[in-house]
C-alpha atoms as a PDB file:
ATOM      1  CA  UNK A   1     -98.246 -50.940  80.489  1.00  0.00           C
ATOM      2  CA  UNK A   2     -94.626 -49.976  80.001  1.00  0.00           C
ATOM      3  CA  UNK A   3     -92.851 -46.849  81.193  1.00  0.00           C
ATOM      4  CA  UNK A   4     -90.299 -45.707  78.628  1.00  0.00           C
ATOM      5  CA  UNK A   5     -87.498 -43.198  78.920  1.00  0.00           C
ATOM      6  CA  UNK A   6     -85.970 -41.396  75.941  1.00  0.00           C
ATOM      7  CA  UNK A   7     -82.652 -39.582  76.286  1.00  0.00           C
ATOM      8  CA  UNK A   8     -82.332 -36.373  74.250  1.00  0.00           C
ATOM      9  CA  UNK A   9     -78.890 -34.912  74.873  1.00  0.00           C
ATOM     10  CA  UNK A  10     -76.096 -34.550  72.333  1.00  0.00           C
ATOM     11  CA  UNK A  11     -72.963 -36.522  73.194  1.00  0.00           C
ATOM     12  CA  UNK A  12     -69.408 -35.360  72.584  1.00  0.00           C
ATOM     13  CA  UNK A  13     -67.710 -36.202  69.320  1.00  0.00           C
ATOM     14  CA  UNK A  14     -65.178 -39.038  69.485  1.00  0.00           C
ATOM     15  CA  UNK A  15     -65.167 -39.237  73.312  1.00  0.00           C
ATOM     16  CA  UNK A  16     -66.488 -42.685  74.159  1.00  0.00           C
ATOM     17  CA  UNK A  17     -65.557 -42.460  77.829  1.00  0.00           C
ATOM     18  CA  UNK A  18     -67.380 -39.167  78.363  1.00  0.00           C
ATOM     19  CA  UNK A  19     -70.386 -40.348  76.385  1.00  0.00           C
ATOM     20  CA  UNK A  20     -70.693 -43.594  78.307  1.00  0.00           C
ATOM     21  CA  UNK A  21     -70.574 -41.633  81.566  1.00  0.00           C
ATOM     22  CA  UNK A  22     -73.239 -39.280  80.172  1.00  0.00           C
ATOM     23  CA  UNK A  23     -75.417 -42.242  79.191  1.00  0.00           C
ATOM     24  CA  UNK A  24     -75.017 -43.701  82.667  1.00  0.00           C
ATOM     25  CA  UNK A  25     -76.249 -40.464  84.256  1.00  0.00           C
ATOM     26  CA  UNK A  26     -79.172 -39.956  81.881  1.00  0.00           C
ATOM     27  CA  UNK A  27     -80.333 -43.572  82.002  1.00  0.00           C
ATOM     28  CA  UNK A  28     -80.142 -43.523  85.805  1.00  0.00           C
ATOM     29  CA  UNK A  29     -82.358 -40.424  85.846  1.00  0.00           C
ATOM     30  CA  UNK A  30     -84.900 -42.229  83.689  1.00  0.00           C
ATOM     31  CA  UNK A  31     -84.788 -45.234  85.997  1.00  0.00           C
ATOM     32  CA  UNK A  32     -85.335 -42.962  89.002  1.00  0.00           C
ATOM     33  CA  UNK A  33     -88.565 -41.858  87.322  1.00  0.00           C
ATOM     34  CA  UNK A  34     -89.678 -45.455  86.988  1.00  0.00           C
ATOM     35  CA  UNK A  35     -88.601 -46.233  83.414  1.00  0.00           C
ATOM     36  CA  UNK A  36     -88.729 -49.926  82.491  1.00  0.00           C
ATOM     37  CA  UNK A  37     -87.000 -49.320  79.151  1.00  0.00           C
ATOM     38  CA  UNK A  38     -84.668 -46.486  78.094  1.00  0.00           C
ATOM     39  CA  UNK A  39     -83.739 -45.489  74.538  1.00  0.00           C
ATOM     40  CA  UNK A  40     -80.519 -43.666  73.635  1.00  0.00           C
ATOM     41  CA  UNK A  41     -80.174 -41.599  70.422  1.00  0.00           C
ATOM     42  CA  UNK A  42     -78.453 -42.915  67.309  1.00  0.00           C
ATOM     43  CA  UNK A  43     -74.668 -43.317  67.454  1.00  0.00           C
ATOM     44  CA  UNK A  44     -74.552 -42.135  71.054  1.00  0.00           C
ATOM     45  CA  UNK A  45     -71.339 -43.853  72.098  1.00  0.00           C
ATOM     46  CA  UNK A  46     -69.031 -42.246  69.522  1.00  0.00           C
ATOM     47  CA  UNK A  47     -71.139 -39.112  68.975  1.00  0.00           C
ATOM     48  CA  UNK A  48     -72.243 -40.042  65.438  1.00  0.00           C
ATOM     49  CA  UNK A  49     -68.958 -38.910  63.921  1.00  0.00           C
ATOM     50  CA  UNK A  50     -69.368 -40.550  60.513  1.00  0.00           C
ATOM     51  CA  UNK A  51     -69.750 -37.152  58.817  1.00  0.00           C
ATOM     52  CA  UNK A  52     -67.158 -35.269  60.840  1.00  0.00           C
ATOM     53  CA  UNK A  53     -64.852 -33.177  58.603  1.00  0.00           C
ATOM     54  CA  UNK A  54     -61.627 -35.035  58.000  1.00  0.00           C
ATOM     55  CA  UNK A  55     -62.991 -38.355  59.256  1.00  0.00           C
ATOM     56  CA  UNK A  56     -61.207 -41.257  57.619  1.00  0.00           C
ATOM     57  CA  UNK A  57     -62.190 -44.895  57.376  1.00  0.00           C
ATOM     58  CA  UNK A  58     -59.189 -45.861  59.492  1.00  0.00           C
ATOM     59  CA  UNK A  59     -60.165 -43.453  62.279  1.00  0.00           C
ATOM     60  CA  UNK A  60     -63.796 -44.551  62.081  1.00  0.00           C
ATOM     61  CA  UNK A  61     -62.796 -48.194  62.437  1.00  0.00           C
ATOM     62  CA  UNK A  62     -60.805 -47.261  65.543  1.00  0.00           C
ATOM     63  CA  UNK A  63     -63.804 -45.529  67.079  1.00  0.00           C
ATOM     64  CA  UNK A  64     -66.260 -48.326  66.301  1.00  0.00           C
ATOM     65  CA  UNK A  65     -67.032 -50.726  69.157  1.00  0.00           C
ATOM     66  CA  UNK A  66     -67.235 -54.499  68.967  1.00  0.00           C
ATOM     67  CA  UNK A  67     -70.194 -56.306  70.451  1.00  0.00           C
ATOM     68  CA  UNK A  68     -68.006 -57.440  73.357  1.00  0.00           C
ATOM     69  CA  UNK A  69     -65.940 -54.249  73.634  1.00  0.00           C
ATOM     70  CA  UNK A  70     -65.341 -52.445  76.950  1.00  0.00           C
ATOM     71  CA  UNK A  71     -67.954 -49.744  76.399  1.00  0.00           C
ATOM     72  CA  UNK A  72     -70.518 -52.269  75.202  1.00  0.00           C
ATOM     73  CA  UNK A  73     -69.871 -54.139  78.456  1.00  0.00           C
ATOM     74  CA  UNK A  74     -70.493 -50.918  80.398  1.00  0.00           C
ATOM     75  CA  UNK A  75     -73.894 -50.544  78.731  1.00  0.00           C
ATOM     76  CA  UNK A  76     -74.724 -54.116  79.686  1.00  0.00           C
ATOM     77  CA  UNK A  77     -73.594 -53.515  83.265  1.00  0.00           C
ATOM     78  CA  UNK A  78     -75.704 -50.354  83.378  1.00  0.00           C
ATOM     79  CA  UNK A  79     -78.888 -52.203  82.419  1.00  0.00           C
ATOM     80  CA  UNK A  80     -78.125 -54.918  84.961  1.00  0.00           C
ATOM     81  CA  UNK A  81     -77.310 -52.486  87.751  1.00  0.00           C
ATOM     82  CA  UNK A  82     -80.540 -50.520  87.237  1.00  0.00           C
ATOM     83  CA  UNK A  83     -82.663 -53.584  86.467  1.00  0.00           C
ATOM     84  CA  UNK A  84     -84.038 -52.100  83.245  1.00  0.00           C
ATOM     85  CA  UNK A  85     -84.151 -52.695  79.499  1.00  0.00           C
ATOM     86  CA  UNK A  86     -81.804 -50.450  77.526  1.00  0.00           C
ATOM     87  CA  UNK A  87     -81.469 -49.678  73.819  1.00  0.00           C
ATOM     88  CA  UNK A  88     -77.784 -48.783  73.411  1.00  0.00           C
ATOM     89  CA  UNK A  89     -76.702 -47.279  70.096  1.00  0.00           C
ATOM     90  CA  UNK A  90     -73.222 -47.210  68.604  1.00  0.00           C
ATOM     91  CA  UNK A  91     -71.084 -47.842  65.554  1.00  0.00           C
ATOM     92  CA  UNK A  92     -70.575 -51.602  65.744  1.00  0.00           C
ATOM     93  CA  UNK A  93     -67.407 -53.090  64.306  1.00  0.00           C
ATOM     94  CA  UNK A  94     -67.357 -56.621  62.979  1.00  0.00           C
ATOM     95  CA  UNK A  95     -64.078 -57.409  61.289  1.00  0.00           C
ATOM     96  CA  UNK A  96     -63.513 -54.685  58.692  1.00  0.00           C
ATOM     97  CA  UNK A  97     -67.217 -53.765  58.509  1.00  0.00           C
ATOM     98  CA  UNK A  98     -68.995 -51.151  60.643  1.00  0.00           C
ATOM     99  CA  UNK A  99     -72.748 -51.076  61.199  1.00  0.00           C
ATOM    100  CA  UNK A 100     -74.980 -48.365  62.638  1.00  0.00           C
ATOM    101  CA  UNK A 101     -76.410 -50.562  65.375  1.00  0.00           C
ATOM    102  CA  UNK A 102     -78.836 -50.573  68.282  1.00  0.00           C
ATOM    103  CA  UNK A 103     -78.588 -53.284  70.930  1.00  0.00           C
ATOM    104  CA  UNK A 104     -81.532 -54.183  73.130  1.00  0.00           C
ATOM    105  CA  UNK A 105     -80.184 -55.207  76.533  1.00  0.00           C
ATOM    106  CA  UNK A 106     -82.354 -56.911  79.142  1.00  0.00           C
ATOM    107  CA  UNK A 107     -82.264 -56.377  82.944  1.00  0.00           C
ATOM    108  CA  UNK A 108     -79.821 -59.250  83.392  1.00  0.00           C
ATOM    109  CA  UNK A 109     -77.327 -57.438  81.164  1.00  0.00           C
ATOM    110  CA  UNK A 110     -77.753 -59.907  78.301  1.00  0.00           C
ATOM    111  CA  UNK A 111     -78.321 -58.938  74.700  1.00  0.00           C
ATOM    112  CA  UNK A 112     -81.951 -59.502  73.783  1.00  0.00           C
ATOM    113  CA  UNK A 113     -81.538 -58.327  70.200  1.00  0.00           C
ATOM    114  CA  UNK A 114     -79.515 -56.351  67.694  1.00  0.00           C
ATOM    115  CA  UNK A 115     -80.732 -54.128  64.890  1.00  0.00           C
ATOM    116  CA  UNK A 116     -78.406 -52.801  62.198  1.00  0.00           C
ATOM    117  CA  UNK A 117     -79.632 -49.745  60.302  1.00  0.00           C
ATOM    118  CA  UNK A 118     -80.857 -51.000  56.939  1.00  0.00           C
ATOM    119  CA  UNK A 119     -81.002 -47.703  55.022  1.00  0.00           C
ATOM    120  CA  UNK A 120     -77.725 -45.814  54.912  1.00  0.00           C
ATOM    121  CA  UNK A 121     -77.962 -42.452  53.209  1.00  0.00           C
ATOM    122  CA  UNK A 122     -76.052 -41.719  50.020  1.00  0.00           C
ATOM    123  CA  UNK A 123     -73.769 -38.739  50.397  1.00  0.00           C
ATOM    124  CA  UNK A 124     -73.577 -39.339  54.157  1.00  0.00           C
ATOM    125  CA  UNK A 125     -73.161 -42.380  56.365  1.00  0.00           C
ATOM    126  CA  UNK A 126     -72.856 -44.763  53.427  1.00  0.00           C
ATOM    127  CA  UNK A 127     -69.157 -43.858  53.258  1.00  0.00           C
ATOM    128  CA  UNK A 128     -68.270 -45.960  56.271  1.00  0.00           C
ATOM    129  CA  UNK A 129     -71.373 -47.913  57.299  1.00  0.00           C
ATOM    130  CA  UNK A 130     -72.428 -51.253  55.854  1.00  0.00           C
ATOM    131  CA  UNK A 131     -76.233 -51.608  55.635  1.00  0.00           C
ATOM    132  CA  UNK A 132     -78.059 -54.126  57.773  1.00  0.00           C
ATOM    133  CA  UNK A 133     -80.000 -56.848  55.999  1.00  0.00           C
ATOM    134  CA  UNK A 134     -82.766 -57.711  58.477  1.00  0.00           C
ATOM    135  CA  UNK A 135     -85.850 -56.105  60.026  1.00  0.00           C
ATOM    136  CA  UNK A 136     -86.277 -58.186  63.186  1.00  0.00           C
ATOM    137  CA  UNK A 137     -88.592 -57.807  66.153  1.00  0.00           C
ATOM    138  CA  UNK A 138     -87.522 -58.726  69.671  1.00  0.00           C
ATOM    139  CA  UNK A 139     -89.333 -60.499  72.487  1.00  0.00           C
ATOM    140  CA  UNK A 140     -89.954 -58.433  75.626  1.00  0.00           C
ATOM    141  CA  UNK A 141     -92.351 -58.668  78.590  1.00  0.00           C
ATOM    142  CA  UNK A 142     -94.603 -56.265  76.656  1.00  0.00           C
ATOM    143  CA  UNK A 143     -94.665 -58.251  73.445  1.00  0.00           C
ATOM    144  CA  UNK A 144     -92.662 -57.945  70.220  1.00  0.00           C
ATOM    145  CA  UNK A 145     -90.716 -54.681  69.910  1.00  0.00           C
ATOM    146  CA  UNK A 146     -89.195 -53.337  66.690  1.00  0.00           C
ATOM    147  CA  UNK A 147     -86.363 -50.879  66.085  1.00  0.00           C
ATOM    148  CA  UNK A 148     -85.639 -48.508  63.227  1.00  0.00           C
ATOM    149  CA  UNK A 149     -82.775 -46.015  63.171  1.00  0.00           C
ATOM    150  CA  UNK A 150     -83.052 -42.431  61.904  1.00  0.00           C
ATOM    151  CA  UNK A 151     -83.257 -42.489  58.067  1.00  0.00           C
ATOM    152  CA  UNK A 152     -85.121 -45.821  58.203  1.00  0.00           C
ATOM    153  CA  UNK A 153     -88.209 -43.909  59.347  1.00  0.00           C
ATOM    154  CA  UNK A 154     -88.533 -42.230  55.955  1.00  0.00           C
ATOM    155  CA  UNK A 155     -89.424 -45.586  54.381  1.00  0.00           C
ATOM    156  CA  UNK A 156     -93.017 -46.675  55.151  1.00  0.00           C
ATOM    157  CA  UNK A 157     -92.036 -50.272  54.460  1.00  0.00           C
ATOM    158  CA  UNK A 158     -89.834 -50.431  57.560  1.00  0.00           C
ATOM    159  CA  UNK A 159     -92.411 -49.930  60.341  1.00  0.00           C
ATOM    160  CA  UNK A 160     -94.941 -51.819  58.215  1.00  0.00           C
ATOM    161  CA  UNK A 161     -92.633 -54.857  58.190  1.00  0.00           C
ATOM    162  CA  UNK A 162     -92.225 -54.590  61.965  1.00  0.00           C
ATOM    163  CA  UNK A 163     -95.973 -54.253  62.515  1.00  0.00           C
ATOM    164  CA  UNK A 164     -96.675 -57.299  60.368  1.00  0.00           C
ATOM    165  CA  UNK A 165     -94.358 -59.312  62.627  1.00  0.00           C
ATOM    166  CA  UNK A 166     -96.439 -58.346  65.636  1.00  0.00           C
ATOM    167  CA  UNK A 167     -94.751 -55.186  66.910  1.00  0.00           C
ATOM    168  CA  UNK A 168     -97.016 -52.859  68.842  1.00  0.00           C
ATOM    169  CA  UNK A 169     -94.098 -50.641  69.841  1.00  0.00           C
ATOM    170  CA  UNK A 170     -91.253 -49.349  67.652  1.00  0.00           C
ATOM    171  CA  UNK A 171     -88.173 -47.636  69.076  1.00  0.00           C
ATOM    172  CA  UNK A 172     -86.609 -44.994  66.833  1.00  0.00           C
ATOM    173  CA  UNK A 173     -83.200 -43.641  67.925  1.00  0.00           C
ATOM    174  CA  UNK A 174     -82.160 -40.777  65.630  1.00  0.00           C
ATOM    175  CA  UNK A 175     -79.628 -38.019  65.019  1.00  0.00           C
ATOM    176  CA  UNK A 176     -80.632 -36.081  61.888  1.00  0.00           C
ATOM    177  CA  UNK A 177     -83.790 -34.231  60.795  1.00  0.00           C
ATOM    178  CA  UNK A 178     -85.681 -32.618  63.663  1.00  0.00           C
ATOM    179  CA  UNK A 179     -88.421 -30.337  62.412  1.00  0.00           C
ATOM    180  CA  UNK A 180     -92.144 -30.063  61.652  1.00  0.00           C
ATOM    181  CA  UNK A 181     -91.884 -32.389  58.665  1.00  0.00           C
ATOM    182  CA  UNK A 182     -90.257 -35.010  60.879  1.00  0.00           C
ATOM    183  CA  UNK A 183     -93.076 -34.814  63.420  1.00  0.00           C
ATOM    184  CA  UNK A 184     -95.690 -35.116  60.678  1.00  0.00           C
ATOM    185  CA  UNK A 185     -93.875 -38.136  59.276  1.00  0.00           C
ATOM    186  CA  UNK A 186     -93.600 -39.801  62.677  1.00  0.00           C
ATOM    187  CA  UNK A 187     -97.300 -39.266  63.357  1.00  0.00           C
ATOM    188  CA  UNK A 188     -98.106 -40.798  59.976  1.00  0.00           C
ATOM    189  CA  UNK A 189     -95.914 -43.850  60.611  1.00  0.00           C
ATOM    190  CA  UNK A 190     -97.685 -44.472  63.927  1.00  0.00           C
ATOM    191  CA  UNK A 191    -101.147 -43.927  62.434  1.00  0.00           C
ATOM    192  CA  UNK A 192    -100.758 -46.047  59.320  1.00  0.00           C
ATOM    193  CA  UNK A 193     -99.506 -49.010  61.365  1.00  0.00           C
ATOM    194  CA  UNK A 194    -101.621 -48.555  64.484  1.00  0.00           C
ATOM    195  CA  UNK A 195     -98.702 -48.709  66.901  1.00  0.00           C
ATOM    196  CA  UNK A 196     -96.646 -46.658  69.349  1.00  0.00           C
ATOM    197  CA  UNK A 197     -93.349 -45.100  68.300  1.00  0.00           C
ATOM    198  CA  UNK A 198     -90.807 -43.709  70.746  1.00  0.00           C
ATOM    199  CA  UNK A 199     -88.529 -41.240  68.966  1.00  0.00           C
ATOM    200  CA  UNK A 200     -85.259 -40.445  70.783  1.00  0.00           C
ATOM    201  CA  UNK A 201     -83.248 -37.675  69.134  1.00  0.00           C
ATOM    202  CA  UNK A 202     -80.339 -35.574  70.373  1.00  0.00           C
ATOM    203  CA  UNK A 203     -82.578 -32.478  70.104  1.00  0.00           C
ATOM    204  CA  UNK A 204     -85.730 -33.876  71.660  1.00  0.00           C
ATOM    205  CA  UNK A 205     -88.056 -36.824  72.113  1.00  0.00           C
ATOM    206  CA  UNK A 206     -91.562 -37.763  70.981  1.00  0.00           C
ATOM    207  CA  UNK A 207     -94.017 -40.482  71.879  1.00  0.00           C
ATOM    208  CA  UNK A 208     -96.524 -41.162  69.080  1.00  0.00           C
ATOM    209  CA  UNK A 209     -99.680 -43.142  69.792  1.00  0.00           C
ATOM    210  CA  UNK A 210    -101.449 -45.623  67.472  1.00  0.00           C
ATOM    211  CA  UNK A 211    -103.963 -42.983  66.377  1.00  0.00           C
ATOM    212  CA  UNK A 212    -101.168 -40.759  65.114  1.00  0.00           C
ATOM    213  CA  UNK A 213    -101.270 -38.304  68.001  1.00  0.00           C
ATOM    214  CA  UNK A 214     -98.277 -36.938  69.892  1.00  0.00           C
ATOM    215  CA  UNK A 215     -98.843 -38.542  73.282  1.00  0.00           C
ATOM    216  CA  UNK A 216     -95.969 -36.540  74.758  1.00  0.00           C
ATOM    217  CA  UNK A 217     -93.023 -34.455  73.619  1.00  0.00           C
ATOM    218  CA  UNK A 218     -90.009 -33.165  75.471  1.00  0.00           C
ATOM    219  CA  UNK A 219     -89.562 -29.456  76.132  1.00  0.00           C
ATOM    220  CA  UNK A 220     -86.513 -27.775  74.547  1.00  0.00           C
ATOM    221  CA  UNK A 221     -84.625 -27.765  77.845  1.00  0.00           C
ATOM    222  CA  UNK A 222     -85.422 -31.384  78.717  1.00  0.00           C
ATOM    223  CA  UNK A 223     -82.638 -33.953  78.694  1.00  0.00           C
ATOM    224  CA  UNK A 224     -84.941 -36.929  79.189  1.00  0.00           C
ATOM    225  CA  UNK A 225     -88.575 -37.810  78.587  1.00  0.00           C
ATOM    226  CA  UNK A 226     -90.298 -40.551  80.584  1.00  0.00           C
ATOM    227  CA  UNK A 227     -93.796 -41.629  79.578  1.00  0.00           C
ATOM    228  CA  UNK A 228     -96.098 -44.534  80.391  1.00  0.00           C
ATOM    229  CA  UNK A 229     -97.523 -46.357  77.387  1.00  0.00           C
ATOM    230  CA  UNK A 230    -100.662 -48.476  77.548  1.00  0.00           C
ATOM    231  CA  UNK A 231    -100.199 -51.004  74.764  1.00  0.00           C
ATOM    232  CA  UNK A 232    -103.848 -52.012  75.069  1.00  0.00           C
ATOM    233  CA  UNK A 233    -104.520 -48.869  73.039  1.00  0.00           C
ATOM    234  CA  UNK A 234    -102.945 -50.669  70.091  1.00  0.00           C
ATOM    235  CA  UNK A 235    -105.277 -53.621  70.575  1.00  0.00           C
ATOM    236  CA  UNK A 236    -108.245 -51.259  70.766  1.00  0.00           C
ATOM    237  CA  UNK A 237    -107.294 -49.385  67.603  1.00  0.00           C
ATOM    238  CA  UNK A 238    -106.648 -52.575  65.661  1.00  0.00           C
ATOM    239  CA  UNK A 239    -109.606 -54.543  66.994  1.00  0.00           C
ATOM    240  CA  UNK A 240    -111.153 -56.632  64.258  1.00  0.00           C
ATOM    241  CA  UNK A 241    -114.360 -55.219  62.902  1.00  0.00           C
ATOM    242  CA  UNK A 242    -113.395 -51.606  63.539  1.00  0.00           C
ATOM    243  CA  UNK A 243    -111.915 -51.282  60.075  1.00  0.00           C
ATOM    244  CA  UNK A 244    -108.347 -50.259  60.835  1.00  0.00           C
ATOM    245  CA  UNK A 245    -106.363 -49.986  57.625  1.00  0.00           C
ATOM    246  CA  UNK A 246    -103.975 -52.740  58.759  1.00  0.00           C
ATOM    247  CA  UNK A 247    -106.953 -55.102  58.372  1.00  0.00           C
ATOM    248  CA  UNK A 248    -107.263 -54.141  54.723  1.00  0.00           C
ATOM    249  CA  UNK A 249    -103.699 -54.578  53.538  1.00  0.00           C
ATOM    250  CA  UNK A 250    -103.291 -56.470  50.257  1.00  0.00           C
ATOM    251  CA  UNK A 251     -99.641 -57.564  50.193  1.00  0.00           C
ATOM    252  CA  UNK A 252    -100.193 -59.916  47.267  1.00  0.00           C
ATOM    253  CA  UNK A 253    -101.448 -56.971  45.193  1.00  0.00           C
ATOM    254  CA  UNK A 254     -98.443 -54.799  46.089  1.00  0.00           C
ATOM    255  CA  UNK A 255     -96.039 -57.637  45.307  1.00  0.00           C
ATOM    256  CA  UNK A 256     -97.688 -58.209  41.929  1.00  0.00           C
ATOM    257  CA  UNK A 257     -97.541 -54.528  41.076  1.00  0.00           C
ATOM    258  CA  UNK A 258     -93.883 -54.342  42.078  1.00  0.00           C
ATOM    259  CA  UNK A 259     -93.103 -57.366  39.896  1.00  0.00           C
ATOM    260  CA  UNK A 260     -94.924 -55.795  36.944  1.00  0.00           C
ATOM    261  CA  UNK A 261     -93.002 -52.584  37.420  1.00  0.00           C
ATOM    262  CA  UNK A 262     -89.686 -54.418  37.368  1.00  0.00           C
ATOM    263  CA  UNK A 263     -90.581 -56.288  34.197  1.00  0.00           C
ATOM    264  CA  UNK A 264     -91.438 -53.022  32.388  1.00  0.00           C
ATOM    265  CA  UNK A 265     -88.073 -51.371  33.041  1.00  0.00           C
END
């Protein structure tokens, strides 16, 4: 069992100090309701300013935060002070590159993992973001946990890769696309992989169960959603002999078909 909090408020644009203070308040509220793990929306620290009118690469580099920057340290201190796990999301600067990143921080304030958004959207965040090149899962007291960020969720291969590495829970901080199609897509991603997904968006939050149901959703006025997940439901859904579709995957067939398709181009 794990109690998860999802923050669903929109931060200010370009105001890292105000947004860190906002995160501290919202995460503390989740912790007060017993959350073991709290998820912030995509790009929360800087307010996802990549598409702001007039934004330049130079300004974006200034706003991006290094892994050991002062605001990153405040996120780590927050997790340590509250004794929780925290998924902190911000534009991460490494040299002259910027990644759309999510950092999993453990209750000691140490980094337990980093995910860099692998699919950056043409016509949008590709202008300033470099794409990540890995789909890792991270060790937690509840087992392997995966992360995908916003646009990543539109690619079935992403949660499938996380599931195949043992993830029973996927965290999905997001900023764009919040509508009926999105909910249908999120339910499908949970169903086809037999896992839980926690979707934290600036306009709302969803918890999807391994049968593809909405286990809980935030109300329009809610700033946080806190929900207890029983990961044994994943084990029950995927139990051998019950015929879950993850038992019937044929990766060698898909790889062969993909290779054939490439050779015919």
